[in-house]
Amino acid sequence: MRSERNHSRGKHVTFWQIAAGSAGRDYAEEFLRFGMAFVGGNDQVKAMSRVKAGDTVLLKRGMSTVVAVGEVVERDGKCGGKGDKEWLKDFDGWNLLAYCYVRWHRPTAPIDTSGLTRATIQEVRQDHLIQIARDTLRDVPPLTITAPEPAPTRKVEDAEILSFLIHEGLRPSSADELTNTLRRIRLLAKYYYDLWQWNDVREHETRTFLIVPLLLALGWAEQQMKIELGVKSGRVDVACFSRPYRRDANGVANDHECVLLLESKGFGSGLNYAPAQAHAYATHFPSCRVVVVSNGYCYKTYERSGDGVFSLEPSAYLNLLNPQDCYPLAPDRVGGALEVLRHLLPKT
């Protein structure tokens, strides 16, 4: 582990509140595992540049809960940086340029309080929040970093994607259509990413304009896909069948032939909370082997084991705007773009 140094003694300490993402994109556990805090966006990056070794950070959830408190420390002679960690440039689709190193102290239960704001990162001056921070640093032992920073990944080019998919069964005559579809999806996703408020691109748009076109280009027929299929626990956003969806003379649908379920999310939503919802749907479909969660440009797949239980950890990750050979946050155990696309092929 890298050596750490704290420079708070004898210096003015600034107190900060930092949010680990937002609703649906809560990455508090990653902050704690890596012993860091990271942010994206111009204003947030500018604020992070003011954080210095010895400062105190309150990790918040919403505007009423403190999850942990930490001291900003130096590692290898610096307390943070900007733009020099590739794995932070695709944090489930977010480009989190700026970061600082933190020695976190996590209480046994989150601390309810008041006075926190909506800001992702902001200086804290309220006396009661400063006292919470000091008490936590004094009374709660520091955490041990449980995860090293992820190893580098490799970009996967479209030529490699096409070669792989043809080997897996994609018709060569479909290669041009898939190439054009990927280009259209990326153009629209980049437009949403750069020019829209992400919350305005809701799941209906991502499913209609980004997700379904990819499934069709990969070889699924419209007759094999059911959109917003009703089940007892709710509605499945996209259910894909090995044969065309149909009902028999008694009105019973061929649910036993459903092989893939896809849960679509809004463009700005995270993918870390959706699997539980999709897994509940999967109990209705015993032949379903994989659940896919997507916000339109990022995809995670969750495989079913032999005992019928879906893993809580993704098996593979794909960012269509930046395909990589492995999941940037866990390259040692989670696959990348090719594995996701293999799951999305009709033969699943």
Protein backbone atom coordinates (compact mmCIF):
# COMPACT_ATOMS: atom_id res chain seq x y z
CA MET A 1 0.00 0.00 0.00
CA ARG A 2 1.22 3.49 -0.74
CA SER A 3 2.47 5.56 2.17
CA GLU A 4 0.14 8.28 3.44
CA ARG A 5 0.87 11.59 5.11
CA ASN A 6 -1.45 14.04 6.79
CA HIS A 7 -0.49 17.72 7.03
CA SER A 8 -3.28 19.06 9.25
CA ARG A 9 -1.17 19.75 12.33
CA GLY A 10 -0.56 23.46 12.69
CA LYS A 11 -2.47 24.38 9.54
CA HIS A 12 -5.90 25.79 8.88
CA VAL A 13 -8.31 22.95 8.15
CA THR A 14 -11.14 23.48 5.67
CA PHE A 15 -14.25 21.32 6.04
CA TRP A 16 -16.03 20.04 2.94
CA GLN A 17 -19.19 18.17 2.14
CA ILE A 18 -18.98 15.77 -0.80
CA ALA A 19 -21.77 13.70 -2.32
CA ALA A 20 -20.96 10.29 -3.76
CA GLY A 21 -23.09 10.71 -6.85
CA SER A 22 -26.85 11.19 -6.80
CA ALA A 23 -30.03 9.15 -6.57
CA GLY A 24 -29.44 6.01 -8.57
CA ARG A 25 -25.73 6.75 -8.77
CA ASP A 26 -24.60 6.38 -5.19
CA TYR A 27 -20.93 5.44 -5.10
CA ALA A 28 -20.23 5.88 -1.40
CA GLU A 29 -18.92 2.32 -1.17
CA GLU A 30 -16.42 3.01 -3.94
CA PHE A 31 -15.22 6.15 -2.14
CA LEU A 32 -14.60 4.06 0.96
CA ARG A 33 -13.07 1.04 -0.83
CA PHE A 34 -10.54 3.09 -2.76
CA GLY A 35 -9.88 5.63 0.01
CA MET A 36 -10.73 8.51 -2.29
CA ALA A 37 -13.34 11.09 -3.27
CA PHE A 38 -13.91 12.02 -6.90
CA VAL A 39 -16.11 14.45 -8.84
CA GLY A 40 -16.92 15.50 -12.39
CA GLY A 41 -18.29 18.66 -14.00
CA ASN A 42 -16.51 21.99 -14.40
CA ASP A 43 -17.74 23.61 -11.18
CA GLN A 44 -17.06 20.50 -9.10
CA VAL A 45 -13.59 20.03 -10.59
CA LYS A 46 -12.77 23.64 -9.80
CA ALA A 47 -13.91 23.18 -6.18
CA MET A 48 -11.91 19.96 -5.81
CA SER A 49 -8.77 21.85 -6.87
CA ARG A 50 -9.06 23.85 -3.62
CA VAL A 51 -9.04 20.75 -1.41
CA LYS A 52 -5.68 20.31 0.31
CA ALA A 53 -3.97 17.77 2.51
CA GLY A 54 -5.23 18.01 6.09
CA ASP A 55 -8.75 19.15 5.13
CA THR A 56 -11.75 17.27 6.47
CA VAL A 57 -14.42 15.76 4.25
CA LEU A 58 -17.98 14.82 5.19
CA LEU A 59 -19.35 12.17 2.83
CA LYS A 60 -23.06 12.86 2.55
CA ARG A 61 -26.10 11.09 1.19
CA GLY A 62 -28.87 13.49 0.26
CA MET A 63 -29.16 16.56 2.46
CA SER A 64 -29.71 14.92 5.82
CA THR A 65 -27.20 12.08 6.25
CA VAL A 66 -23.46 11.85 6.82
CA VAL A 67 -22.14 8.42 5.80
CA ALA A 68 -18.49 8.90 6.72
CA VAL A 69 -15.90 11.53 7.60
CA GLY A 70 -12.34 11.60 6.34
CA GLU A 71 -9.02 13.38 6.40
CA VAL A 72 -7.43 14.36 3.10
CA VAL A 73 -3.99 12.75 2.95
CA GLU A 74 -1.02 12.61 0.62
CA ARG A 75 -0.02 9.49 -1.26
CA ASP A 76 3.26 9.44 -3.12
CA GLY A 77 3.66 13.15 -2.50
CA LYS A 78 0.27 14.45 -3.62
CA CYS A 79 -3.20 14.71 -2.13
CA GLY A 80 -5.17 14.52 -5.40
CA GLY A 81 -5.18 15.34 -9.06
CA LYS A 82 -7.18 15.86 -12.25
CA GLY A 83 -7.49 13.84 -15.43
CA ASP A 84 -4.61 11.44 -14.83
CA LYS A 85 -6.58 8.30 -13.90
CA GLU A 86 -8.13 6.53 -16.86
CA TRP A 87 -10.46 4.38 -14.74
CA LEU A 88 -12.18 7.53 -13.43
CA LYS A 89 -12.99 8.66 -16.98
CA ASP A 90 -15.57 5.87 -17.34
CA PHE A 91 -17.09 5.47 -13.90
CA ASP A 92 -20.28 3.74 -15.09
CA GLY A 93 -20.46 6.35 -17.83
CA TRP A 94 -19.40 9.34 -15.75
CA ASN A 95 -16.21 11.25 -16.47
CA LEU A 96 -14.93 12.01 -12.97
CA LEU A 97 -11.82 14.04 -13.65
CA ALA A 98 -10.86 15.35 -10.20
CA TYR A 99 -10.11 13.41 -7.05
CA CYS A 100 -8.46 13.55 -3.64
CA TYR A 101 -7.12 10.86 -1.33
CA VAL A 102 -9.02 10.39 1.92
CA ARG A 103 -8.49 8.37 5.09
CA TRP A 104 -12.13 7.59 5.85
CA HIS A 105 -13.74 7.02 9.26
CA ARG A 106 -17.11 5.30 8.96
CA PRO A 107 -19.48 5.22 11.97
CA THR A 108 -21.50 2.07 12.58
CA ALA A 109 -24.63 3.87 11.37
CA PRO A 110 -25.09 6.96 9.17
CA ILE A 111 -25.49 10.21 11.11
CA ASP A 112 -28.74 12.10 10.61
CA THR A 113 -28.27 15.86 10.62
CA SER A 114 -29.34 19.10 8.98
CA GLY A 115 -27.57 21.90 7.14
CA LEU A 116 -26.22 19.89 4.21
CA THR A 117 -26.89 21.31 0.76
CA ARG A 118 -27.62 19.95 -2.70
CA ALA A 119 -24.12 20.79 -3.90
CA THR A 120 -21.88 17.90 -4.92
CA ILE A 121 -18.89 19.51 -3.23
CA GLN A 122 -19.00 22.61 -1.06
CA GLU A 123 -17.18 24.14 1.87
CA VAL A 124 -18.86 23.57 5.25
CA ARG A 125 -19.00 26.31 7.88
CA GLN A 126 -21.90 25.23 10.13
CA ASP A 127 -20.66 24.60 13.66
CA HIS A 128 -22.77 21.48 14.23
CA LEU A 129 -21.46 19.82 11.05
CA ILE A 130 -17.89 20.66 11.97
CA GLN A 131 -18.49 19.14 15.39
CA ILE A 132 -19.89 15.95 13.81
CA ALA A 133 -16.74 15.72 11.72
CA ARG A 134 -14.42 16.22 14.67
CA ASP A 135 -16.29 13.76 16.86
CA THR A 136 -16.24 11.10 14.14
CA LEU A 137 -12.52 11.50 13.49
CA ARG A 138 -11.86 11.26 17.23
CA ASP A 139 -14.17 8.36 18.10
CA VAL A 140 -14.25 6.15 15.00
CA PRO A 141 -11.16 4.25 13.82
CA PRO A 142 -10.04 4.78 10.23
CA LEU A 143 -10.95 2.28 7.53
CA THR A 144 -8.43 0.09 5.78
CA ILE A 145 -8.39 0.49 2.01
CA THR A 146 -9.83 -2.75 0.67
CA ALA A 147 -9.30 -2.28 -3.07
CA PRO A 148 -6.24 -1.20 -5.06
CA GLU A 149 -6.82 1.19 -7.91
CA PRO A 150 -8.00 -0.71 -11.00
CA ALA A 151 -5.52 -1.79 -13.64
CA PRO A 152 -5.66 -0.23 -17.12
CA THR A 153 -8.09 -1.55 -19.72
CA ARG A 154 -7.86 -1.68 -23.51
CA LYS A 155 -10.14 0.08 -26.00
CA VAL A 156 -12.10 -2.26 -28.28
CA GLU A 157 -12.45 -0.95 -31.83
CA ASP A 158 -15.49 -1.60 -34.02
CA ALA A 159 -13.56 -3.91 -36.35
CA GLU A 160 -12.81 -6.19 -33.41
CA ILE A 161 -16.45 -6.00 -32.30
CA LEU A 162 -17.72 -7.04 -35.74
CA SER A 163 -15.21 -9.86 -36.09
CA PHE A 164 -16.13 -11.21 -32.67
CA LEU A 165 -19.89 -11.02 -33.26
CA ILE A 166 -19.64 -12.73 -36.66
CA HIS A 167 -17.67 -15.52 -34.98
CA GLU A 168 -20.46 -15.73 -32.38
CA GLY A 169 -23.17 -16.05 -35.02
CA LEU A 170 -24.03 -12.60 -36.37
CA ARG A 171 -24.78 -12.85 -40.08
CA PRO A 172 -21.99 -11.20 -42.13
CA SER A 173 -24.68 -9.47 -44.17
CA SER A 174 -25.77 -7.71 -40.97
CA ALA A 175 -22.35 -6.18 -40.37
CA ASP A 176 -23.04 -2.99 -42.31
CA GLU A 177 -26.38 -2.48 -40.58
CA LEU A 178 -24.78 -2.95 -37.15
CA THR A 179 -21.95 -0.54 -38.00
CA ASN A 180 -24.42 2.14 -39.12
CA THR A 181 -26.60 1.53 -36.07
CA LEU A 182 -23.67 1.90 -33.70
CA ARG A 183 -22.73 5.16 -35.40
CA ARG A 184 -26.29 6.53 -35.10
CA ILE A 185 -26.60 5.47 -31.46
CA ARG A 186 -23.29 7.09 -30.58
CA LEU A 187 -24.17 10.33 -32.34
CA LEU A 188 -27.45 10.57 -30.45
CA ALA A 189 -25.93 9.46 -27.12
CA LYS A 190 -23.15 12.04 -27.49
CA TYR A 191 -25.77 14.67 -28.27
CA TYR A 192 -27.66 13.77 -25.09
CA TYR A 193 -24.41 13.58 -23.11
CA ASP A 194 -23.07 16.98 -24.16
CA LEU A 195 -26.11 19.13 -24.87
CA TRP A 196 -29.08 17.92 -22.82
CA GLN A 197 -29.95 17.92 -19.17
CA TRP A 198 -29.58 14.21 -18.49
CA ASN A 199 -32.75 14.05 -16.39
CA ASP A 200 -34.72 15.14 -19.46
CA VAL A 201 -33.76 11.92 -21.29
CA ARG A 202 -36.05 9.48 -19.55
CA GLU A 203 -36.14 5.72 -19.86
CA HIS A 204 -38.78 5.80 -22.60
CA GLU A 205 -36.39 7.79 -24.81
CA THR A 206 -33.36 5.63 -24.03
CA ARG A 207 -35.32 2.45 -24.71
CA THR A 208 -36.90 3.71 -27.95
CA PHE A 209 -33.99 5.56 -29.53
CA LEU A 210 -30.89 3.83 -28.13
CA ILE A 211 -31.60 0.33 -26.80
CA VAL A 212 -34.16 -1.25 -29.14
CA PRO A 213 -32.26 -0.14 -32.30
CA LEU A 214 -29.18 -1.99 -30.99
CA LEU A 215 -31.17 -5.16 -30.28
CA LEU A 216 -32.69 -5.09 -33.77
CA ALA A 217 -29.27 -4.58 -35.39
CA LEU A 218 -27.90 -7.54 -33.41
CA GLY A 219 -30.54 -9.78 -34.96
CA TRP A 220 -33.59 -9.80 -32.70
CA ALA A 221 -36.87 -9.69 -34.62
CA GLU A 222 -39.66 -7.40 -33.51
CA GLN A 223 -41.84 -10.49 -33.00
CA GLN A 224 -39.37 -11.79 -30.40
CA MET A 225 -39.48 -8.64 -28.27
CA LYS A 226 -42.22 -7.58 -25.87
CA ILE A 227 -42.08 -4.02 -24.54
CA GLU A 228 -43.38 -3.34 -21.02
CA LEU A 229 -44.54 -6.89 -20.51
CA GLY A 230 -46.80 -7.08 -17.47
CA VAL A 231 -45.98 -9.56 -14.69
CA LYS A 232 -47.20 -9.88 -11.12
CA SER A 233 -44.39 -7.75 -9.71
CA GLY A 234 -44.66 -4.97 -12.28
CA ARG A 235 -43.63 -4.51 -15.90
CA VAL A 236 -40.54 -5.75 -17.71
CA ASP A 237 -39.16 -3.00 -19.93
CA VAL A 238 -37.95 -5.37 -22.66
CA ALA A 239 -38.41 -9.14 -22.71
CA CYS A 240 -36.73 -11.11 -25.51
CA PHE A 241 -37.95 -14.57 -26.52
CA SER A 242 -36.26 -17.44 -28.35
CA ARG A 243 -39.32 -17.60 -30.59
CA PRO A 244 -42.03 -15.02 -31.37
CA TYR A 245 -44.13 -14.00 -28.39
CA ARG A 246 -47.56 -15.62 -28.48
CA ARG A 247 -50.43 -16.98 -26.38
CA ASP A 248 -52.02 -20.41 -26.72
CA ALA A 249 -55.71 -21.17 -27.03
CA ASN A 250 -56.11 -20.75 -23.27
CA GLY A 251 -54.49 -17.33 -23.27
CA VAL A 252 -51.25 -18.55 -21.67
CA ALA A 253 -48.16 -16.73 -22.94
CA ASN A 254 -44.90 -18.52 -23.80
CA ASP A 255 -43.05 -17.04 -20.83
CA HIS A 256 -40.94 -20.20 -20.65
CA GLU A 257 -39.29 -19.13 -23.91
CA CYS A 258 -38.10 -15.77 -22.57
CA VAL A 259 -34.29 -15.82 -22.62
CA LEU A 260 -33.28 -12.22 -21.92
CA LEU A 261 -34.70 -9.42 -19.78
CA LEU A 262 -33.61 -5.83 -20.11
CA GLU A 263 -34.32 -3.09 -17.60
CA SER A 264 -34.03 0.35 -19.18
CA LYS A 265 -33.18 3.46 -17.16
CA GLY A 266 -33.03 7.17 -17.82
CA PHE A 267 -29.87 8.56 -19.40
CA GLY A 268 -28.59 9.98 -16.12
CA SER A 269 -29.46 6.96 -13.99
CA GLY A 270 -26.91 4.61 -12.54
CA LEU A 271 -26.88 0.88 -13.08
CA ASN A 272 -25.98 -0.23 -9.57
CA TYR A 273 -29.48 -0.29 -8.07
CA ALA A 274 -31.53 -1.71 -10.95
CA PRO A 275 -30.60 -5.42 -10.87
CA ALA A 276 -32.72 -6.22 -7.82
CA GLN A 277 -35.79 -4.99 -9.68
CA ALA A 278 -34.92 -6.95 -12.79
CA HIS A 279 -34.09 -10.09 -10.80
CA ALA A 280 -37.56 -10.05 -9.28
CA TYR A 281 -38.98 -10.10 -12.81
CA ALA A 282 -36.75 -13.02 -13.73
CA THR A 283 -38.52 -15.33 -11.27
CA HIS A 284 -41.40 -15.36 -13.74
CA PHE A 285 -39.13 -16.59 -16.56
CA PRO A 286 -37.27 -19.82 -15.69
CA SER A 287 -35.44 -19.94 -19.06
CA CYS A 288 -34.00 -16.45 -18.71
CA ARG A 289 -30.25 -16.76 -18.32
CA VAL A 290 -29.20 -13.12 -18.28
CA VAL A 291 -30.55 -9.78 -17.08
CA VAL A 292 -29.32 -6.61 -18.74
CA VAL A 293 -29.53 -3.13 -17.25
CA SER A 294 -28.96 -0.11 -19.47
CA ASN A 295 -29.30 3.66 -19.47
CA GLY A 296 -29.02 3.72 -23.24
CA TYR A 297 -25.27 3.94 -23.65
CA CYS A 298 -23.95 1.92 -20.72
CA TYR A 299 -24.88 -1.74 -20.20
CA LYS A 300 -24.32 -4.24 -17.40
CA THR A 301 -25.15 -7.92 -17.61
CA TYR A 302 -25.99 -10.21 -14.70
CA GLU A 303 -25.85 -13.95 -15.27
CA ARG A 304 -27.95 -16.66 -13.70
CA SER A 305 -26.11 -19.45 -11.96
CA GLY A 306 -26.99 -23.12 -12.01
CA ASP A 307 -29.12 -22.80 -8.89
CA GLY A 308 -31.29 -20.14 -10.54
CA VAL A 309 -29.91 -17.16 -8.62
CA PHE A 310 -28.60 -14.07 -10.37
CA SER A 311 -25.21 -12.79 -9.29
CA LEU A 312 -25.18 -9.47 -7.47
CA GLU A 313 -22.01 -8.53 -9.32
CA PRO A 314 -22.14 -7.80 -13.04
CA SER A 315 -20.55 -10.31 -15.37
CA ALA A 316 -19.72 -7.68 -18.00
CA TYR A 317 -19.94 -3.95 -18.76
CA LEU A 318 -20.18 -1.96 -21.98
CA ASN A 319 -19.99 1.77 -22.58
CA LEU A 320 -20.95 2.26 -26.23
CA LEU A 321 -19.16 5.62 -26.29
CA ASN A 322 -15.93 4.04 -25.06
CA PRO A 323 -15.90 0.22 -25.39
CA GLN A 324 -13.22 -1.47 -23.28
CA ASP A 325 -12.04 -5.07 -23.00
CA CYS A 326 -12.88 -5.17 -19.27
CA TYR A 327 -14.96 -3.24 -16.76
CA PRO A 328 -12.80 -0.21 -15.84
CA LEU A 329 -13.76 -0.42 -12.16
CA ALA A 330 -13.08 -4.16 -11.79
CA PRO A 331 -10.98 -5.33 -14.76
CA ASP A 332 -9.72 -8.37 -12.88
CA ARG A 333 -13.13 -10.02 -12.53
CA VAL A 334 -15.75 -8.33 -14.78
CA GLY A 335 -15.77 -8.64 -18.56
CA GLY A 336 -16.12 -5.87 -21.08
CA ALA A 337 -17.73 -4.86 -24.36
CA LEU A 338 -17.45 -8.17 -26.21
CA GLU A 339 -18.99 -10.17 -23.39
CA VAL A 340 -21.97 -7.80 -23.13
CA LEU A 341 -22.60 -7.94 -26.88
CA ARG A 342 -22.34 -11.74 -26.82
CA HIS A 343 -25.10 -11.79 -24.20
CA LEU A 344 -27.21 -9.48 -26.33
CA LEU A 345 -27.10 -11.75 -29.39
CA PRO A 346 -30.36 -13.65 -30.07
CA LYS A 347 -28.78 -17.04 -29.44
CA THR A 348 -28.82 -16.31 -25.69
